[in-house]
PDB file of N, CA and C in Angstrom:
ATOM      1  N   MET A   1     -53.996  35.530  -7.148  1.00  0.00           N
ATOM      2  CA  MET A   1     -55.341  35.017  -7.077  1.00  0.00           C
ATOM      3  C   MET A   1     -55.448  34.077  -5.884  1.00  0.00           C
ATOM      4  N   LYS A   2     -56.489  34.247  -5.078  1.00  0.00           N
ATOM      5  CA  LYS A   2     -56.700  33.388  -3.925  1.00  0.00           C
ATOM      6  C   LYS A   2     -57.678  32.280  -4.291  1.00  0.00           C
ATOM      7  N   ILE A   3     -57.376  31.092  -3.799  1.00  0.00           N
ATOM      8  CA  ILE A   3     -58.238  29.936  -4.052  1.00  0.00           C
ATOM      9  C   ILE A   3     -58.564  29.289  -2.710  1.00  0.00           C
ATOM     10  N   LYS A   4     -59.816  28.967  -2.501  1.00  0.00           N
ATOM     11  CA  LYS A   4     -60.225  28.322  -1.254  1.00  0.00           C
ATOM     12  C   LYS A   4     -59.647  26.916  -1.174  1.00  0.00           C
ATOM     13  N   LYS A   5     -59.382  26.493   0.068  1.00  0.00           N
ATOM     14  CA  LYS A   5     -58.855  25.141   0.266  1.00  0.00           C
ATOM     15  C   LYS A   5     -59.815  24.073  -0.268  1.00  0.00           C
ATOM     16  N   THR A   6     -61.094  24.287  -0.052  1.00  0.00           N
ATOM     17  CA  THR A   6     -62.059  23.289  -0.525  1.00  0.00           C
ATOM     18  C   THR A   6     -62.049  23.187  -2.051  1.00  0.00           C
ATOM     19  N   THR A   7     -61.897  24.322  -2.727  1.00  0.00           N
ATOM     20  CA  THR A   7     -61.845  24.314  -4.189  1.00  0.00           C
ATOM     21  C   THR A   7     -60.586  23.602  -4.668  1.00  0.00           C
ATOM     22  N   LEU A   8     -59.456  23.901  -4.028  1.00  0.00           N
ATOM     23  CA  LEU A   8     -58.198  23.250  -4.414  1.00  0.00           C
ATOM     24  C   LEU A   8     -58.270  21.749  -4.153  1.00  0.00           C
ATOM     25  N   ASN A   9     -58.810  21.345  -2.999  1.00  0.00           N
ATOM     26  CA  ASN A   9     -58.962  19.919  -2.707  1.00  0.00           C
ATOM     27  C   ASN A   9     -59.857  19.244  -3.737  1.00  0.00           C
ATOM     28  N   TYR A  10     -60.926  19.916  -4.141  1.00  0.00           N
ATOM     29  CA  TYR A  10     -61.838  19.364  -5.142  1.00  0.00           C
ATOM     30  C   TYR A  10     -61.121  19.148  -6.474  1.00  0.00           C
ATOM     31  N   ILE A  11     -60.366  20.145  -6.911  1.00  0.00           N
ATOM     32  CA  ILE A  11     -59.629  20.045  -8.183  1.00  0.00           C
ATOM     33  C   ILE A  11     -58.630  18.897  -8.128  1.00  0.00           C
ATOM     34  N   ILE A  12     -57.873  18.819  -7.029  1.00  0.00           N
ATOM     35  CA  ILE A  12     -56.875  17.757  -6.883  1.00  0.00           C
ATOM     36  C   ILE A  12     -57.555  16.390  -6.875  1.00  0.00           C
ATOM     37  N   ASP A  13     -58.665  16.273  -6.158  1.00  0.00           N
ATOM     38  CA  ASP A  13     -59.367  14.986  -6.103  1.00  0.00           C
ATOM     39  C   ASP A  13     -59.922  14.579  -7.461  1.00  0.00           C
ATOM     40  N   ILE A  14     -60.452  15.527  -8.216  1.00  0.00           N
ATOM     41  CA  ILE A  14     -60.962  15.219  -9.561  1.00  0.00           C
ATOM     42  C   ILE A  14     -59.835  14.751 -10.471  1.00  0.00           C
ATOM     43  N   LEU A  15     -58.713  15.465 -10.479  1.00  0.00           N
ATOM     44  CA  LEU A  15     -57.577  15.077 -11.328  1.00  0.00           C
ATOM     45  C   LEU A  15     -57.016  13.718 -10.917  1.00  0.00           C
ATOM     46  N   THR A  16     -56.934  13.476  -9.617  1.00  0.00           N
ATOM     47  CA  THR A  16     -56.447  12.179  -9.140  1.00  0.00           C
ATOM     48  C   THR A  16     -57.393  11.064  -9.556  1.00  0.00           C
ATOM     49  N   GLY A  17     -58.691  11.307  -9.411  1.00  0.00           N
ATOM     50  CA  GLY A  17     -59.679  10.304  -9.816  1.00  0.00           C
ATOM     51  C   GLY A  17     -59.660  10.018 -11.308  1.00  0.00           C
ATOM     52  N   LEU A  18     -59.530  11.069 -12.115  1.00  0.00           N
ATOM     53  CA  LEU A  18     -59.449  10.875 -13.563  1.00  0.00           C
ATOM     54  C   LEU A  18     -58.179  10.114 -13.946  1.00  0.00           C
ATOM     55  N   GLY A  19     -57.057  10.472 -13.306  1.00  0.00           N
ATOM     56  CA  GLY A  19     -55.810   9.741 -13.554  1.00  0.00           C
ATOM     57  C   GLY A  19     -55.938   8.279 -13.201  1.00  0.00           C
ATOM     58  N   PHE A  20     -56.603   8.000 -12.072  1.00  0.00           N
ATOM     59  CA  PHE A  20     -56.827   6.619 -11.649  1.00  0.00           C
ATOM     60  C   PHE A  20     -57.687   5.868 -12.656  1.00  0.00           C
ATOM     61  N   LEU A  21     -58.791   6.500 -13.078  1.00  0.00           N
ATOM     62  CA  LEU A  21     -59.711   5.868 -14.018  1.00  0.00           C
ATOM     63  C   LEU A  21     -59.025   5.546 -15.344  1.00  0.00           C
ATOM     64  N   VAL A  22     -58.292   6.515 -15.903  1.00  0.00           N
ATOM     65  CA  VAL A  22     -57.591   6.301 -17.177  1.00  0.00           C
ATOM     66  C   VAL A  22     -56.510   5.239 -17.015  1.00  0.00           C
ATOM     67  N   SER A  23     -55.794   5.273 -15.895  1.00  0.00           N
ATOM     68  CA  SER A  23     -54.754   4.279 -15.652  1.00  0.00           C
ATOM     69  C   SER A  23     -55.336   2.884 -15.547  1.00  0.00           C
ATOM     70  N   CYS A  24     -56.483   2.746 -14.884  1.00  0.00           N
ATOM     71  CA  CYS A  24     -57.144   1.431 -14.781  1.00  0.00           C
ATOM     72  C   CYS A  24     -57.592   0.927 -16.152  1.00  0.00           C
ATOM     73  N   ILE A  25     -58.232   1.798 -16.909  1.00  0.00           N
ATOM     74  CA  ILE A  25     -58.733   1.387 -18.233  1.00  0.00           C
ATOM     75  C   ILE A  25     -57.584   0.985 -19.149  1.00  0.00           C
ATOM     76  N   THR A  26     -56.540   1.807 -19.202  1.00  0.00           N
ATOM     77  CA  THR A  26     -55.404   1.469 -20.066  1.00  0.00           C
ATOM     78  C   THR A  26     -54.665   0.240 -19.562  1.00  0.00           C
ATOM     79  N   GLY A  27     -54.650   0.041 -18.244  1.00  0.00           N
ATOM     80  CA  GLY A  27     -54.025  -1.175 -17.693  1.00  0.00           C
ATOM     81  C   GLY A  27     -54.755  -2.422 -18.144  1.00  0.00           C
ATOM     82  N   ILE A  28     -56.090  -2.365 -18.151  1.00  0.00           N
ATOM     83  CA  ILE A  28     -56.886  -3.512 -18.617  1.00  0.00           C
ATOM     84  C   ILE A  28     -56.670  -3.734 -20.115  1.00  0.00           C
ATOM     85  N   ILE A  29     -56.636  -2.638 -20.876  1.00  0.00           N
ATOM     86  CA  ILE A  29     -56.383  -2.762 -22.324  1.00  0.00           C
ATOM     87  C   ILE A  29     -55.021  -3.401 -22.563  1.00  0.00           C
ATOM     88  N   LEU A  30     -54.012  -2.952 -21.827  1.00  0.00           N
ATOM     89  CA  LEU A  30     -52.667  -3.506 -22.008  1.00  0.00           C
ATOM     90  C   LEU A  30     -52.585  -4.961 -21.548  1.00  0.00           C
ATOM     91  N   LEU A  31     -53.380  -5.325 -20.572  1.00  0.00           N
ATOM     92  CA  LEU A  31     -53.384  -6.701 -20.086  1.00  0.00           C
ATOM     93  C   LEU A  31     -53.819  -7.675 -21.169  1.00  0.00           C
ATOM     94  N   PHE A  32     -54.815  -7.275 -21.961  1.00  0.00           N
ATOM     95  CA  PHE A  32     -55.356  -8.171 -22.970  1.00  0.00           C
ATOM     96  C   PHE A  32     -54.843  -7.886 -24.390  1.00  0.00           C
ATOM     97  N   ASN A  33     -54.014  -6.860 -24.559  1.00  0.00           N
ATOM     98  CA  ASN A  33     -53.521  -6.481 -25.880  1.00  0.00           C
ATOM     99  C   ASN A  33     -52.019  -6.723 -25.961  1.00  0.00           C
ATOM    100  N   GLU A  34     -51.658  -7.947 -26.289  1.00  0.00           N
ATOM    101  CA  GLU A  34     -50.248  -8.254 -26.446  1.00  0.00           C
ATOM    102  C   GLU A  34     -49.859  -7.977 -27.891  1.00  0.00           C
ATOM    103  N   SER A  35     -48.942  -7.046 -28.072  1.00  0.00           N
ATOM    104  CA  SER A  35     -48.629  -6.606 -29.430  1.00  0.00           C
ATOM    105  C   SER A  35     -47.687  -7.551 -30.162  1.00  0.00           C
ATOM    106  N   GLY A  36     -46.889  -8.276 -29.448  1.00  0.00           N
ATOM    107  CA  GLY A  36     -45.950  -9.175 -30.106  1.00  0.00           C
ATOM    108  C   GLY A  36     -44.651  -8.479 -30.506  1.00  0.00           C
ATOM    109  N   GLY A  37     -44.470  -7.250 -30.108  1.00  0.00           N
ATOM    110  CA  GLY A  37     -43.217  -6.545 -30.363  1.00  0.00           C
ATOM    111  C   GLY A  37     -43.173  -5.833 -31.704  1.00  0.00           C
ATOM    112  N   TYR A  38     -42.063  -5.204 -31.965  1.00  0.00           N
ATOM    113  CA  TYR A  38     -41.890  -4.346 -33.136  1.00  0.00           C
ATOM    114  C   TYR A  38     -41.862  -5.147 -34.439  1.00  0.00           C
ATOM    115  N   GLN A  39     -41.159  -6.247 -34.491  1.00  0.00           N
ATOM    116  CA  GLN A  39     -41.044  -7.153 -35.641  1.00  0.00           C
ATOM    117  C   GLN A  39     -40.563  -6.440 -36.905  1.00  0.00           C
ATOM    118  N   GLY A  40     -39.664  -5.518 -36.754  1.00  0.00           N
ATOM    119  CA  GLY A  40     -39.078  -4.826 -37.905  1.00  0.00           C
ATOM    120  C   GLY A  40     -40.069  -3.987 -38.678  1.00  0.00           C
ATOM    121  N   GLY A  41     -41.117  -3.501 -38.052  1.00  0.00           N
ATOM    122  CA  GLY A  41     -42.099  -2.663 -38.707  1.00  0.00           C
ATOM    123  C   GLY A  41     -43.252  -3.427 -39.320  1.00  0.00           C
ATOM    124  N   ARG A  42     -43.255  -4.763 -39.208  1.00  0.00           N
ATOM    125  CA  ARG A  42     -44.333  -5.560 -39.809  1.00  0.00           C
ATOM    126  C   ARG A  42     -45.561  -5.681 -38.903  1.00  0.00           C
ATOM    127  N   ASN A  43     -45.495  -5.122 -37.698  1.00  0.00           N
ATOM    128  CA  ASN A  43     -46.593  -5.247 -36.759  1.00  0.00           C
ATOM    129  C   ASN A  43     -47.220  -3.866 -36.511  1.00  0.00           C
ATOM    130  N   PRO A  44     -48.304  -3.534 -37.200  1.00  0.00           N
ATOM    131  CA  PRO A  44     -48.923  -2.212 -37.017  1.00  0.00           C
ATOM    132  C   PRO A  44     -49.513  -2.025 -35.626  1.00  0.00           C
ATOM    133  N   LEU A  45     -49.850  -3.116 -34.929  1.00  0.00           N
ATOM    134  CA  LEU A  45     -50.394  -2.989 -33.577  1.00  0.00           C
ATOM    135  C   LEU A  45     -49.347  -2.530 -32.572  1.00  0.00           C
ATOM    136  N   TYR A  46     -48.068  -2.621 -32.943  1.00  0.00           N
ATOM    137  CA  TYR A  46     -47.006  -2.187 -32.042  1.00  0.00           C
ATOM    138  C   TYR A  46     -47.180  -0.725 -31.694  1.00  0.00           C
ATOM    139  N   TYR A  47     -47.488   0.104 -32.672  1.00  0.00           N
ATOM    140  CA  TYR A  47     -47.626   1.539 -32.421  1.00  0.00           C
ATOM    141  C   TYR A  47     -48.848   1.835 -31.573  1.00  0.00           C
ATOM    142  N   ILE A  48     -49.932   1.098 -31.782  1.00  0.00           N
ATOM    143  CA  ILE A  48     -51.124   1.262 -30.952  1.00  0.00           C
ATOM    144  C   ILE A  48     -50.805   0.852 -29.511  1.00  0.00           C
ATOM    145  N   HIS A  49     -50.053  -0.219 -29.362  1.00  0.00           N
ATOM    146  CA  HIS A  49     -49.648  -0.689 -28.044  1.00  0.00           C
ATOM    147  C   HIS A  49     -48.802   0.370 -27.345  1.00  0.00           C
ATOM    148  N   GLU A  50     -47.874   0.954 -28.056  1.00  0.00           N
ATOM    149  CA  GLU A  50     -47.022   1.993 -27.472  1.00  0.00           C
ATOM    150  C   GLU A  50     -47.837   3.224 -27.080  1.00  0.00           C
ATOM    151  N   MET A  51     -48.869   3.547 -27.857  1.00  0.00           N
ATOM    152  CA  MET A  51     -49.741   4.663 -27.500  1.00  0.00           C
ATOM    153  C   MET A  51     -50.428   4.386 -26.164  1.00  0.00           C
ATOM    154  N   TRP A  52     -50.962   3.169 -25.977  1.00  0.00           N
ATOM    155  CA  TRP A  52     -51.620   2.815 -24.721  1.00  0.00           C
ATOM    156  C   TRP A  52     -50.639   2.818 -23.565  1.00  0.00           C
ATOM    157  N   VAL A  53     -49.406   2.373 -23.815  1.00  0.00           N
ATOM    158  CA  VAL A  53     -48.394   2.398 -22.763  1.00  0.00           C
ATOM    159  C   VAL A  53     -48.110   3.829 -22.324  1.00  0.00           C
ATOM    160  N   ASN A  54     -47.973   4.743 -23.290  1.00  0.00           N
ATOM    161  CA  ASN A  54     -47.710   6.146 -22.960  1.00  0.00           C
ATOM    162  C   ASN A  54     -48.870   6.778 -22.206  1.00  0.00           C
ATOM    163  N   ILE A  55     -50.093   6.511 -22.633  1.00  0.00           N
ATOM    164  CA  ILE A  55     -51.258   7.037 -21.915  1.00  0.00           C
ATOM    165  C   ILE A  55     -51.302   6.486 -20.505  1.00  0.00           C
ATOM    166  N   HIS A  56     -51.001   5.199 -20.360  1.00  0.00           N
ATOM    167  CA  HIS A  56     -50.999   4.549 -19.045  1.00  0.00           C
ATOM    168  C   HIS A  56     -49.951   5.188 -18.133  1.00  0.00           C
ATOM    169  N   ILE A  57     -48.766   5.398 -18.648  1.00  0.00           N
ATOM    170  CA  ILE A  57     -47.687   5.983 -17.836  1.00  0.00           C
ATOM    171  C   ILE A  57     -48.029   7.402 -17.421  1.00  0.00           C
ATOM    172  N   TRP A  58     -48.489   8.232 -18.349  1.00  0.00           N
ATOM    173  CA  TRP A  58     -48.766   9.628 -18.024  1.00  0.00           C
ATOM    174  C   TRP A  58     -49.972   9.773 -17.090  1.00  0.00           C
ATOM    175  N   SER A  59     -50.991   8.951 -17.278  1.00  0.00           N
ATOM    176  CA  SER A  59     -52.129   9.033 -16.363  1.00  0.00           C
ATOM    177  C   SER A  59     -51.734   8.557 -14.962  1.00  0.00           C
ATOM    178  N   SER A  60     -50.844   7.589 -14.891  1.00  0.00           N
ATOM    179  CA  SER A  60     -50.344   7.138 -13.585  1.00  0.00           C
ATOM    180  C   SER A  60     -49.522   8.230 -12.907  1.00  0.00           C
ATOM    181  N   LEU A  61     -48.761   8.978 -13.682  1.00  0.00           N
ATOM    182  CA  LEU A  61     -48.002  10.097 -13.116  1.00  0.00           C
ATOM    183  C   LEU A  61     -48.916  11.201 -12.610  1.00  0.00           C
ATOM    184  N   VAL A  62     -49.999  11.481 -13.343  1.00  0.00           N
ATOM    185  CA  VAL A  62     -50.984  12.474 -12.895  1.00  0.00           C
ATOM    186  C   VAL A  62     -51.610  12.014 -11.578  1.00  0.00           C
ATOM    187  N   MET A  63     -51.966  10.737 -11.516  1.00  0.00           N
ATOM    188  CA  MET A  63     -52.553  10.192 -10.304  1.00  0.00           C
ATOM    189  C   MET A  63     -51.569  10.268  -9.130  1.00  0.00           C
ATOM    190  N   SER A  64     -50.314   9.930  -9.359  1.00  0.00           N
ATOM    191  CA  SER A  64     -49.308   9.979  -8.306  1.00  0.00           C
ATOM    192  C   SER A  64     -49.066  11.404  -7.817  1.00  0.00           C
ATOM    193  N   ALA A  65     -49.045  12.356  -8.729  1.00  0.00           N
ATOM    194  CA  ALA A  65     -48.878  13.762  -8.343  1.00  0.00           C
ATOM    195  C   ALA A  65     -50.067  14.236  -7.531  1.00  0.00           C
ATOM    196  N   GLY A  66     -51.262  13.803  -7.897  1.00  0.00           N
ATOM    197  CA  GLY A  66     -52.469  14.173  -7.139  1.00  0.00           C
ATOM    198  C   GLY A  66     -52.449  13.595  -5.740  1.00  0.00           C
ATOM    199  N   VAL A  67     -52.022  12.352  -5.602  1.00  0.00           N
ATOM    200  CA  VAL A  67     -51.932  11.739  -4.278  1.00  0.00           C
ATOM    201  C   VAL A  67     -50.891  12.481  -3.431  1.00  0.00           C
ATOM    202  N   ALA A  68     -49.753  12.812  -4.018  1.00  0.00           N
ATOM    203  CA  ALA A  68     -48.716  13.539  -3.288  1.00  0.00           C
ATOM    204  C   ALA A  68     -49.223  14.915  -2.832  1.00  0.00           C
ATOM    205  N   ALA A  69     -49.909  15.623  -3.710  1.00  0.00           N
ATOM    206  CA  ALA A  69     -50.457  16.935  -3.348  1.00  0.00           C
ATOM    207  C   ALA A  69     -51.504  16.790  -2.251  1.00  0.00           C
ATOM    208  N   HIS A  70     -52.324  15.766  -2.345  1.00  0.00           N
ATOM    209  CA  HIS A  70     -53.357  15.527  -1.331  1.00  0.00           C
ATOM    210  C   HIS A  70     -52.721  15.263   0.032  1.00  0.00           C
ATOM    211  N   LEU A  71     -51.679  14.454   0.060  1.00  0.00           N
ATOM    212  CA  LEU A  71     -50.985  14.169   1.314  1.00  0.00           C
ATOM    213  C   LEU A  71     -50.325  15.421   1.900  1.00  0.00           C
ATOM    214  N   ILE A  72     -49.741  16.236   1.054  1.00  0.00           N
ATOM    215  CA  ILE A  72     -49.102  17.477   1.518  1.00  0.00           C
ATOM    216  C   ILE A  72     -50.146  18.421   2.113  1.00  0.00           C
ATOM    217  N   LEU A  73     -51.271  18.574   1.436  1.00  0.00           N
ATOM    218  CA  LEU A  73     -52.307  19.485   1.913  1.00  0.00           C
ATOM    219  C   LEU A  73     -52.953  19.015   3.219  1.00  0.00           C
ATOM    220  N   HIS A  74     -52.963  17.723   3.459  1.00  0.00           N
ATOM    221  CA  HIS A  74     -53.610  17.186   4.651  1.00  0.00           C
ATOM    222  C   HIS A  74     -52.615  16.675   5.696  1.00  0.00           C
ATOM    223  N   TRP A  75     -51.360  17.058   5.569  1.00  0.00           N
ATOM    224  CA  TRP A  75     -50.317  16.531   6.443  1.00  0.00           C
ATOM    225  C   TRP A  75     -50.584  16.824   7.915  1.00  0.00           C
ATOM    226  N   ASN A  76     -50.926  18.059   8.256  1.00  0.00           N
ATOM    227  CA  ASN A  76     -51.155  18.409   9.665  1.00  0.00           C
ATOM    228  C   ASN A  76     -52.296  17.588  10.264  1.00  0.00           C
ATOM    229  N   TRP A  77     -53.359  17.408   9.507  1.00  0.00           N
ATOM    230  CA  TRP A  77     -54.474  16.614   9.982  1.00  0.00           C
ATOM    231  C   TRP A  77     -54.051  15.152  10.205  1.00  0.00           C
ATOM    232  N   MET A  78     -53.245  14.598   9.284  1.00  0.00           N
ATOM    233  CA  MET A  78     -52.804  13.210   9.425  1.00  0.00           C
ATOM    234  C   MET A  78     -51.912  13.038  10.655  1.00  0.00           C
ATOM    235  N   VAL A  79     -51.032  14.007  10.905  1.00  0.00           N
ATOM    236  CA  VAL A  79     -50.175  13.935  12.092  1.00  0.00           C
ATOM    237  C   VAL A  79     -51.022  14.006  13.359  1.00  0.00           C
ATOM    238  N   CYS A  80     -51.978  14.921  13.387  1.00  0.00           N
ATOM    239  CA  CYS A  80     -52.851  15.071  14.543  1.00  0.00           C
ATOM    240  C   CYS A  80     -53.648  13.795  14.801  1.00  0.00           C
ATOM    241  N   MET A  81     -54.224  13.227  13.755  1.00  0.00           N
ATOM    242  CA  MET A  81     -55.021  11.999  13.908  1.00  0.00           C
ATOM    243  C   MET A  81     -54.161  10.809  14.334  1.00  0.00           C
ATOM    244  N   THR A  82     -52.939  10.743  13.815  1.00  0.00           N
ATOM    245  CA  THR A  82     -52.044   9.662  14.216  1.00  0.00           C
ATOM    246  C   THR A  82     -51.718   9.749  15.697  1.00  0.00           C
ATOM    247  N   LYS A  83     -51.418  10.969  16.167  1.00  0.00           N
ATOM    248  CA  LYS A  83     -51.160  11.156  17.598  1.00  0.00           C
ATOM    249  C   LYS A  83     -52.384  10.770  18.417  1.00  0.00           C
ATOM    250  N   LYS A  84     -53.536  11.165  17.940  1.00  0.00           N
ATOM    251  CA  LYS A  84     -54.763  10.876  18.665  1.00  0.00           C
ATOM    252  C   LYS A  84     -55.039   9.366  18.715  1.00  0.00           C
ATOM    253  N   LEU A  85     -54.830   8.671  17.606  1.00  0.00           N
ATOM    254  CA  LEU A  85     -55.104   7.237  17.559  1.00  0.00           C
ATOM    255  C   LEU A  85     -54.074   6.421  18.331  1.00  0.00           C
ATOM    256  N   LEU A  86     -52.847   6.908  18.424  1.00  0.00           N
ATOM    257  CA  LEU A  86     -51.795   6.187  19.147  1.00  0.00           C
ATOM    258  C   LEU A  86     -51.820   6.483  20.643  1.00  0.00           C
ATOM    259  N   SER A  87     -52.714   7.362  21.079  1.00  0.00           N
ATOM    260  CA  SER A  87     -52.841   7.707  22.494  1.00  0.00           C
ATOM    261  C   SER A  87     -54.276   7.457  22.954  1.00  0.00           C
ATOM    262  N   PRO A  88     -54.730   6.212  22.959  1.00  0.00           N
ATOM    263  CA  PRO A  88     -56.136   5.963  23.263  1.00  0.00           C
ATOM    264  C   PRO A  88     -56.546   6.280  24.695  1.00  0.00           C
ATOM    265  N   GLY A  89     -55.583   6.316  25.623  1.00  0.00           N
ATOM    266  CA  GLY A  89     -55.907   6.570  27.017  1.00  0.00           C
ATOM    267  C   GLY A  89     -56.063   8.038  27.348  1.00  0.00           C
ATOM    268  N   LYS A  90     -55.804   8.905  26.403  1.00  0.00           N
ATOM    269  CA  LYS A  90     -55.875  10.343  26.649  1.00  0.00           C
ATOM    270  C   LYS A  90     -57.335  10.765  26.793  1.00  0.00           C
ATOM    271  N   THR A  91     -57.554  11.671  27.685  1.00  0.00           N
ATOM    272  CA  THR A  91     -58.913  12.137  27.944  1.00  0.00           C
ATOM    273  C   THR A  91     -59.231  13.371  27.109  1.00  0.00           C
ATOM    274  N   LYS A  92     -60.494  13.717  27.068  1.00  0.00           N
ATOM    275  CA  LYS A  92     -60.911  14.905  26.327  1.00  0.00           C
ATOM    276  C   LYS A  92     -60.953  16.133  27.233  1.00  0.00           C
ATOM    277  N   ASP A  93     -60.417  16.025  28.431  1.00  0.00           N
ATOM    278  CA  ASP A  93     -60.415  17.138  29.377  1.00  0.00           C
ATOM    279  C   ASP A  93     -59.290  18.100  29.022  1.00  0.00           C
ATOM    280  N   ALA A  94     -59.652  19.293  28.569  1.00  0.00           N
ATOM    281  CA  ALA A  94     -58.655  20.267  28.093  1.00  0.00           C
ATOM    282  C   ALA A  94     -57.766  20.777  29.213  1.00  0.00           C
ATOM    283  N   ASN A  95     -58.143  20.543  30.475  1.00  0.00           N
ATOM    284  CA  ASN A  95     -57.322  21.016  31.600  1.00  0.00           C
ATOM    285  C   ASN A  95     -56.189  20.066  31.943  1.00  0.00           C
ATOM    286  N   ARG A  96     -56.228  18.862  31.382  1.00  0.00           N
ATOM    287  CA  ARG A  96     -55.171  17.903  31.669  1.00  0.00           C
ATOM    288  C   ARG A  96     -53.962  18.164  30.778  1.00  0.00           C
ATOM    289  N   PRO A  97     -52.744  17.918  31.292  1.00  0.00           N
ATOM    290  CA  PRO A  97     -51.545  18.180  30.479  1.00  0.00           C
ATOM    291  C   PRO A  97     -51.375  17.225  29.292  1.00  0.00           C
ATOM    292  N   ASP A  98     -52.008  16.056  29.329  1.00  0.00           N
ATOM    293  CA  ASP A  98     -51.878  15.089  28.230  1.00  0.00           C
ATOM    294  C   ASP A  98     -53.025  15.228  27.230  1.00  0.00           C
ATOM    295  N   PHE A  99     -53.739  16.333  27.279  1.00  0.00           N
ATOM    296  CA  PHE A  99     -54.877  16.570  26.392  1.00  0.00           C
ATOM    297  C   PHE A  99     -54.410  16.681  24.936  1.00  0.00           C
ATOM    298  N   ILE A 100     -55.101  15.975  24.042  1.00  0.00           N
ATOM    299  CA  ILE A 100     -54.843  16.065  22.607  1.00  0.00           C
ATOM    300  C   ILE A 100     -56.071  16.710  21.974  1.00  0.00           C
ATOM    301  N   PRO A 101     -55.892  17.844  21.321  1.00  0.00           N
ATOM    302  CA  PRO A 101     -57.059  18.537  20.756  1.00  0.00           C
ATOM    303  C   PRO A 101     -57.689  17.753  19.609  1.00  0.00           C
ATOM    304  N   VAL A 102     -58.935  18.070  19.334  1.00  0.00           N
ATOM    305  CA  VAL A 102     -59.645  17.460  18.214  1.00  0.00           C
ATOM    306  C   VAL A 102     -58.985  17.938  16.926  1.00  0.00           C
ATOM    307  N   CYS A 103     -58.801  17.020  16.009  1.00  0.00           N
ATOM    308  CA  CYS A 103     -58.156  17.353  14.736  1.00  0.00           C
ATOM    309  C   CYS A 103     -59.210  17.880  13.773  1.00  0.00           C
ATOM    310  N   GLU A 104     -59.131  19.138  13.475  1.00  0.00           N
ATOM    311  CA  GLU A 104     -60.080  19.739  12.547  1.00  0.00           C
ATOM    312  C   GLU A 104     -59.326  20.352  11.393  1.00  0.00           C
ATOM    313  N   MET A 105     -59.971  20.333  10.249  1.00  0.00           N
ATOM    314  CA  MET A 105     -59.390  20.968   9.072  1.00  0.00           C
ATOM    315  C   MET A 105     -60.072  22.307   8.882  1.00  0.00           C
ATOM    316  N   ASN A 106     -59.279  23.347   8.731  1.00  0.00           N
ATOM    317  CA  ASN A 106     -59.831  24.668   8.481  1.00  0.00           C
ATOM    318  C   ASN A 106     -60.073  24.813   6.993  1.00  0.00           C
ATOM    319  N   THR A 107     -61.337  24.779   6.601  1.00  0.00           N
ATOM    320  CA  THR A 107     -61.668  24.863   5.177  1.00  0.00           C
ATOM    321  C   THR A 107     -62.068  26.263   4.759  1.00  0.00           C
ATOM    322  N   ASP A 108     -62.069  27.193   5.705  1.00  0.00           N
ATOM    323  CA  ASP A 108     -62.477  28.574   5.382  1.00  0.00           C
ATOM    324  C   ASP A 108     -61.347  29.439   4.830  1.00  0.00           C
ATOM    325  N   SER A 109     -60.107  29.015   5.095  1.00  0.00           N
ATOM    326  CA  SER A 109     -58.994  29.868   4.691  1.00  0.00           C
ATOM    327  C   SER A 109     -58.665  29.683   3.204  1.00  0.00           C
ATOM    328  N   ASN A 110     -57.814  30.546   2.716  1.00  0.00           N
ATOM    329  CA  ASN A 110     -57.452  30.558   1.301  1.00  0.00           C
ATOM    330  C   ASN A 110     -55.966  30.238   1.129  1.00  0.00           C
ATOM    331  N   TYR A 111     -55.627  29.803  -0.064  1.00  0.00           N
ATOM    332  CA  TYR A 111     -54.226  29.678  -0.468  1.00  0.00           C
ATOM    333  C   TYR A 111     -53.893  30.862  -1.343  1.00  0.00           C
ATOM    334  N   ASP A 112     -52.749  31.447  -1.124  1.00  0.00           N
ATOM    335  CA  ASP A 112     -52.342  32.592  -1.968  1.00  0.00           C
ATOM    336  C   ASP A 112     -51.591  32.105  -3.183  1.00  0.00           C
TER     337      ASP A 112
END
């Protein structure tokens, strides 16, 4: 099945954004919800606290995987832009040997 680059980027961005949102919300919940530890089973909030910790960890992993995928998919563009930004004296004249082409992303192609 072929998937367009724009569709794949959209899916990755949505998953990364959702992971970020859930991680932020659970982080705030954990900040204000101190469970007080296990206490030999006498603390029922301990299990709720552990649930929030697990949700926080897994949503953070989803977010990290999305960021990594995003960086991999845009690596060529980032390299091109870095070269362009670190060479401010370069001209836009394509006939010159120090010419750096415009960094464009091809969004028309597909991933197999």
